[in-house]
């Protein structure tokens, strides 16, 4: 067990997290976290992408919005246009996360 503070790709420090498991596994997980922007920067990027695509801004925490925007983008891209049109107005990040395996 160790406490780590990842430095994300965007340069921001992440929150202090407790990591478990063998040392090599902890290092690999920490490096994987550091290869991505922080949730706040991912949220800003998701908001800009949504505005550009004419989608509503998602509501929820930064982490929820970052994850849900990826789910929403994939769903709208892969679903038939009529079904995607029904889902486009959904604003809740939680709904997108909870529904991610239903389409």
Protein backbone atom coordinates (compact mmCIF):
# COMPACT_ATOMS: atom_id res chain seq x y z
CA UNK A 1 0.00 0.00 0.00
CA UNK A 2 1.25 3.46 -0.88
CA UNK A 3 -0.08 6.97 -1.23
CA UNK A 4 0.54 8.62 -4.58
CA UNK A 5 -0.22 11.99 -6.17
CA UNK A 6 -0.29 11.63 -9.96
CA UNK A 7 0.88 14.48 -12.21
CA UNK A 8 -1.47 14.37 -15.18
CA UNK A 9 -0.58 15.03 -18.82
CA UNK A 10 -2.09 18.51 -18.55
CA UNK A 11 0.39 19.38 -15.77
CA UNK A 12 -2.16 19.41 -12.93
CA UNK A 13 -1.63 17.33 -9.82
CA UNK A 14 -4.32 14.77 -9.13
CA UNK A 15 -5.79 14.05 -5.76
CA UNK A 16 -3.85 11.94 -3.30
CA UNK A 17 -4.81 8.30 -3.88
CA UNK A 18 -4.04 5.10 -2.04
CA UNK A 19 -2.72 2.32 -4.25
CA UNK A 20 -2.59 -1.35 -3.39
CA UNK A 21 -0.78 -4.34 -4.82
CA UNK A 22 2.77 -5.16 -5.80
CA UNK A 23 5.14 -2.25 -6.39
CA UNK A 24 5.42 -2.85 -10.16
CA UNK A 25 1.63 -2.94 -10.52
CA UNK A 26 1.23 0.31 -8.60
CA UNK A 27 3.83 2.02 -10.77
CA UNK A 28 2.10 0.84 -13.96
CA UNK A 29 -1.30 2.13 -12.78
CA UNK A 30 0.22 5.47 -11.74
CA UNK A 31 1.94 5.85 -15.13
CA UNK A 32 -1.35 5.05 -16.88
CA UNK A 33 -3.12 7.80 -14.89
CA UNK A 34 -0.36 10.27 -15.70
CA UNK A 35 -0.74 9.66 -19.46
CA UNK A 36 -4.19 11.33 -19.39
CA UNK A 37 -5.38 14.86 -18.57
CA UNK A 38 -6.98 15.43 -15.19
CA UNK A 39 -10.79 15.07 -14.89
CA UNK A 40 -11.26 18.87 -14.79
CA UNK A 41 -9.39 19.35 -18.08
CA UNK A 42 -11.27 16.41 -19.61
CA UNK A 43 -14.54 18.08 -18.52
CA UNK A 44 -13.56 21.36 -20.20
CA UNK A 45 -12.67 19.48 -23.40
CA UNK A 46 -15.96 17.53 -23.21
CA UNK A 47 -17.95 20.77 -22.83
CA UNK A 48 -16.22 22.30 -25.86
CA UNK A 49 -16.82 19.16 -27.93
CA UNK A 50 -20.50 19.09 -26.90
CA UNK A 51 -20.97 22.74 -27.89
CA UNK A 52 -19.31 22.14 -31.25
CA UNK A 53 -21.52 19.09 -31.89
CA UNK A 54 -24.70 20.88 -30.81
CA UNK A 55 -25.17 18.61 -27.79
CA UNK A 56 -26.30 19.79 -24.34
CA UNK A 57 -23.63 20.25 -21.66
CA UNK A 58 -23.64 17.27 -19.30
CA UNK A 59 -24.46 17.73 -15.62
CA UNK A 60 -22.56 15.93 -12.85
CA UNK A 61 -19.11 15.84 -11.28
CA UNK A 62 -15.98 16.43 -13.37
CA UNK A 63 -15.15 12.73 -13.33
CA UNK A 64 -18.70 11.75 -14.31
CA UNK A 65 -18.79 14.28 -17.15
CA UNK A 66 -15.40 13.19 -18.49
CA UNK A 67 -16.47 9.53 -18.58
CA UNK A 68 -20.05 10.12 -19.73
CA UNK A 69 -18.96 12.36 -22.62
CA UNK A 70 -16.86 9.49 -24.02
CA UNK A 71 -19.81 7.11 -23.64
CA UNK A 72 -22.22 9.59 -25.27
CA UNK A 73 -19.89 10.29 -28.20
CA UNK A 74 -19.47 6.57 -28.90
CA UNK A 75 -23.19 5.84 -28.56
CA UNK A 76 -24.25 8.65 -30.90
CA UNK A 77 -21.61 7.61 -33.43
CA UNK A 78 -22.55 3.90 -33.40
CA UNK A 79 -26.34 3.95 -33.02
CA UNK A 80 -28.74 4.36 -35.93
CA UNK A 81 -29.59 8.03 -36.51
CA UNK A 82 -33.22 7.73 -35.31
CA UNK A 83 -32.18 6.16 -32.00
CA UNK A 84 -29.27 8.57 -31.53
CA UNK A 85 -31.67 11.50 -32.06
CA UNK A 86 -33.76 10.31 -29.11
CA UNK A 87 -30.70 10.18 -26.83
CA UNK A 88 -29.07 13.48 -27.85
CA UNK A 89 -31.07 15.71 -25.42
CA UNK A 90 -30.06 13.69 -22.32
CA UNK A 91 -28.04 15.94 -19.96
CA UNK A 92 -27.38 13.66 -17.00
CA UNK A 93 -23.85 12.24 -16.89
CA UNK A 94 -25.12 9.67 -14.42
CA UNK A 95 -27.76 8.48 -16.91
CA UNK A 96 -25.14 7.97 -19.63
CA UNK A 97 -22.89 6.02 -17.26
CA UNK A 98 -25.73 3.87 -15.90
CA UNK A 99 -27.05 3.18 -19.40
CA UNK A 100 -23.72 2.52 -21.10
CA UNK A 101 -24.35 -1.21 -21.65
CA UNK A 102 -27.93 -0.89 -22.92
CA UNK A 103 -27.22 0.19 -26.48
